[in-house]
Amino acid sequence: MPSTAAAVWPVLLLVASNVFMTFAWYGHLKVEHRPMWLLIVASWGIAFFEYCLAVPANRIGRAVYSAAELKTMQEVITLAVFAVFSITYLGERFTMNHAVGFALIALGALFVFKGAL
């Protein structure tokens, strides 16, 4: 039987990796008047650290979760991290449409973890 750490570490690592990836993909939106090549290089540099966390998260998580569960978990974490990022860093509003859309995606994730119908 896998340990509790094998179940928890992938979640923590995926949260951390998604913070890095969100900054790699969207952090440059607040940086104006910089050459595109510089933004790309900076984003690749940030994404390196995301991979350093995501690969072990999936490797460790495979002992407890299926590949579909890991991918689903990653997508839900991505949405949660992005929601916080867009509000706090980008200063965007989080509307009811966003909440409903994200909730429906999370509901879909429940079916992946529920098992066979």
C-alpha atoms as a PDB file:
ATOM      1  CA  MET A   1       0.000   0.000   0.000  1.00  0.00           C
ATOM      2  CA  PRO A   2       1.472   3.404  -0.974  1.00  0.00           C
ATOM      3  CA  SER A   3       2.236   5.858   1.784  1.00  0.00           C
ATOM      4  CA  THR A   4       0.333   9.049   2.502  1.00  0.00           C
ATOM      5  CA  ALA A   5       3.404  10.992   1.362  1.00  0.00           C
ATOM      6  CA  ALA A   6       3.141   9.340  -2.050  1.00  0.00           C
ATOM      7  CA  ALA A   7      -0.406  10.694  -2.286  1.00  0.00           C
ATOM      8  CA  VAL A   8       0.326  14.203  -0.949  1.00  0.00           C
ATOM      9  CA  TRP A   9       3.710  15.041  -2.503  1.00  0.00           C
ATOM     10  CA  PRO A  10       2.450  14.967  -6.090  1.00  0.00           C
ATOM     11  CA  VAL A  11      -0.272  17.491  -5.220  1.00  0.00           C
ATOM     12  CA  LEU A  12       2.186  19.843  -3.503  1.00  0.00           C
ATOM     13  CA  LEU A  13       4.719  19.538  -6.316  1.00  0.00           C
ATOM     14  CA  LEU A  14       2.036  20.128  -8.958  1.00  0.00           C
ATOM     15  CA  VAL A  15       0.855  23.263  -7.161  1.00  0.00           C
ATOM     16  CA  ALA A  16       4.423  24.598  -7.031  1.00  0.00           C
ATOM     17  CA  SER A  17       5.105  23.655 -10.660  1.00  0.00           C
ATOM     18  CA  ASN A  18       1.922  25.388 -11.769  1.00  0.00           C
ATOM     19  CA  VAL A  19       2.939  28.592 -10.019  1.00  0.00           C
ATOM     20  CA  PHE A  20       6.139  28.597 -12.073  1.00  0.00           C
ATOM     21  CA  MET A  21       4.349  27.714 -15.303  1.00  0.00           C
ATOM     22  CA  THR A  22       1.686  30.361 -14.806  1.00  0.00           C
ATOM     23  CA  PHE A  23       4.403  32.991 -14.450  1.00  0.00           C
ATOM     24  CA  ALA A  24       6.202  31.567 -17.493  1.00  0.00           C
ATOM     25  CA  TRP A  25       3.069  31.728 -19.640  1.00  0.00           C
ATOM     26  CA  TYR A  26       1.347  34.854 -18.339  1.00  0.00           C
ATOM     27  CA  GLY A  27       3.807  36.824 -16.196  1.00  0.00           C
ATOM     28  CA  HIS A  28       5.110  38.719 -19.207  1.00  0.00           C
ATOM     29  CA  LEU A  29       1.686  40.310 -19.753  1.00  0.00           C
ATOM     30  CA  LYS A  30       2.631  42.972 -17.193  1.00  0.00           C
ATOM     31  CA  VAL A  31       6.030  43.567 -18.780  1.00  0.00           C
ATOM     32  CA  GLU A  32       5.677  46.068 -21.572  1.00  0.00           C
ATOM     33  CA  HIS A  33       8.240  47.375 -24.045  1.00  0.00           C
ATOM     34  CA  ARG A  34      10.549  44.380 -23.883  1.00  0.00           C
ATOM     35  CA  PRO A  35      11.721  42.491 -26.961  1.00  0.00           C
ATOM     36  CA  MET A  36       9.771  39.317 -27.645  1.00  0.00           C
ATOM     37  CA  TRP A  37      12.947  37.227 -27.746  1.00  0.00           C
ATOM     38  CA  LEU A  38      13.787  38.325 -24.198  1.00  0.00           C
ATOM     39  CA  LEU A  39      10.297  37.397 -22.970  1.00  0.00           C
ATOM     40  CA  ILE A  40      10.612  33.990 -24.621  1.00  0.00           C
ATOM     41  CA  VAL A  41      14.022  33.302 -23.071  1.00  0.00           C
ATOM     42  CA  ALA A  42      12.804  34.416 -19.641  1.00  0.00           C
ATOM     43  CA  SER A  43       9.702  32.235 -19.966  1.00  0.00           C
ATOM     44  CA  TRP A  44      11.804  29.214 -20.922  1.00  0.00           C
ATOM     45  CA  GLY A  45      14.036  29.856 -17.920  1.00  0.00           C
ATOM     46  CA  ILE A  46      11.041  29.926 -15.598  1.00  0.00           C
ATOM     47  CA  ALA A  47       9.526  26.856 -17.264  1.00  0.00           C
ATOM     48  CA  PHE A  48      12.708  24.897 -16.518  1.00  0.00           C
ATOM     49  CA  PHE A  49      11.866  25.047 -12.810  1.00  0.00           C
ATOM     50  CA  GLU A  50       8.295  23.979 -13.564  1.00  0.00           C
ATOM     51  CA  TYR A  51       9.621  20.831 -15.227  1.00  0.00           C
ATOM     52  CA  CYS A  52      11.952  20.190 -12.277  1.00  0.00           C
ATOM     53  CA  LEU A  53       8.821  19.959 -10.115  1.00  0.00           C
ATOM     54  CA  ALA A  54       6.273  18.450 -12.518  1.00  0.00           C
ATOM     55  CA  VAL A  55       8.375  15.457 -13.579  1.00  0.00           C
ATOM     56  CA  PRO A  56       8.973  14.236 -10.008  1.00  0.00           C
ATOM     57  CA  ALA A  57       5.329  14.982  -9.146  1.00  0.00           C
ATOM     58  CA  ASN A  58       4.165  12.648 -11.884  1.00  0.00           C
ATOM     59  CA  ARG A  59       6.825  10.023 -11.159  1.00  0.00           C
ATOM     60  CA  ILE A  60       5.984   9.919  -7.434  1.00  0.00           C
ATOM     61  CA  GLY A  61       2.267  10.233  -8.089  1.00  0.00           C
ATOM     62  CA  ARG A  62       2.221   7.263 -10.458  1.00  0.00           C
ATOM     63  CA  ALA A  63       2.553   5.004  -7.406  1.00  0.00           C
ATOM     64  CA  VAL A  64      -0.860   6.207  -6.209  1.00  0.00           C
ATOM     65  CA  TYR A  65      -2.710   7.768  -9.150  1.00  0.00           C
ATOM     66  CA  SER A  66      -3.419   6.725 -12.725  1.00  0.00           C
ATOM     67  CA  ALA A  67      -2.068   8.865 -15.557  1.00  0.00           C
ATOM     68  CA  ALA A  68      -5.591  10.183 -16.177  1.00  0.00           C
ATOM     69  CA  GLU A  69      -5.943  11.140 -12.518  1.00  0.00           C
ATOM     70  CA  LEU A  70      -2.567  12.918 -12.536  1.00  0.00           C
ATOM     71  CA  LYS A  71      -3.485  14.864 -15.668  1.00  0.00           C
ATOM     72  CA  THR A  72      -6.901  15.764 -14.287  1.00  0.00           C
ATOM     73  CA  MET A  73      -5.355  16.874 -11.001  1.00  0.00           C
ATOM     74  CA  GLN A  74      -2.867  19.012 -12.910  1.00  0.00           C
ATOM     75  CA  GLU A  75      -5.612  20.729 -14.902  1.00  0.00           C
ATOM     76  CA  VAL A  76      -7.707  21.550 -11.829  1.00  0.00           C
ATOM     77  CA  ILE A  77      -4.626  22.844 -10.002  1.00  0.00           C
ATOM     78  CA  THR A  78      -3.744  24.920 -13.076  1.00  0.00           C
ATOM     79  CA  LEU A  79      -7.152  26.594 -13.020  1.00  0.00           C
ATOM     80  CA  ALA A  80      -6.975  27.289  -9.295  1.00  0.00           C
ATOM     81  CA  VAL A  81      -3.456  28.731  -9.527  1.00  0.00           C
ATOM     82  CA  PHE A  82      -4.419  30.791 -12.573  1.00  0.00           C
ATOM     83  CA  ALA A  83      -7.516  32.182 -10.851  1.00  0.00           C
ATOM     84  CA  VAL A  84      -5.422  33.426  -7.923  1.00  0.00           C
ATOM     85  CA  PHE A  85      -2.699  34.699 -10.275  1.00  0.00           C
ATOM     86  CA  SER A  86      -5.077  36.606 -12.529  1.00  0.00           C
ATOM     87  CA  ILE A  87      -6.681  38.352  -9.560  1.00  0.00           C
ATOM     88  CA  THR A  88      -3.567  39.097  -7.511  1.00  0.00           C
ATOM     89  CA  TYR A  89      -0.886  39.651 -10.167  1.00  0.00           C
ATOM     90  CA  LEU A  90      -2.776  40.749 -13.265  1.00  0.00           C
ATOM     91  CA  GLY A  91      -5.486  42.605 -11.343  1.00  0.00           C
ATOM     92  CA  GLU A  92      -8.323  41.015 -13.301  1.00  0.00           C
ATOM     93  CA  ARG A  93     -11.812  40.434 -11.966  1.00  0.00           C
ATOM     94  CA  PHE A  94     -13.037  36.944 -11.219  1.00  0.00           C
ATOM     95  CA  THR A  95     -16.638  36.818 -12.389  1.00  0.00           C
ATOM     96  CA  MET A  96     -19.487  34.400 -11.814  1.00  0.00           C
ATOM     97  CA  ASN A  97     -18.922  33.070 -15.339  1.00  0.00           C
ATOM     98  CA  HIS A  98     -15.399  32.095 -14.346  1.00  0.00           C
ATOM     99  CA  ALA A  99     -16.613  30.454 -11.144  1.00  0.00           C
ATOM    100  CA  VAL A 100     -19.297  28.437 -12.938  1.00  0.00           C
ATOM    101  CA  GLY A 101     -16.934  27.379 -15.720  1.00  0.00           C
ATOM    102  CA  PHE A 102     -14.209  26.311 -13.284  1.00  0.00           C
ATOM    103  CA  ALA A 103     -16.778  24.502 -11.114  1.00  0.00           C
ATOM    104  CA  LEU A 104     -18.004  22.520 -14.120  1.00  0.00           C
ATOM    105  CA  ILE A 105     -14.442  21.510 -14.941  1.00  0.00           C
ATOM    106  CA  ALA A 106     -13.916  20.452 -11.316  1.00  0.00           C
ATOM    107  CA  LEU A 107     -17.158  18.447 -11.486  1.00  0.00           C
ATOM    108  CA  GLY A 108     -15.804  16.686 -14.551  1.00  0.00           C
ATOM    109  CA  ALA A 109     -12.631  15.914 -12.592  1.00  0.00           C
ATOM    110  CA  LEU A 110     -14.706  14.184  -9.938  1.00  0.00           C
ATOM    111  CA  PHE A 111     -15.834  11.667 -12.535  1.00  0.00           C
ATOM    112  CA  VAL A 112     -12.222  10.802 -13.346  1.00  0.00           C
ATOM    113  CA  PHE A 113     -11.508  10.090  -9.684  1.00  0.00           C
ATOM    114  CA  LYS A 114     -14.852   8.339  -9.065  1.00  0.00           C
ATOM    115  CA  GLY A 115     -13.893   5.266 -11.039  1.00  0.00           C
ATOM    116  CA  ALA A 116     -15.933   3.191 -13.423  1.00  0.00           C
ATOM    117  CA  LEU A 117     -19.619   3.997 -13.725  1.00  0.00           C
END
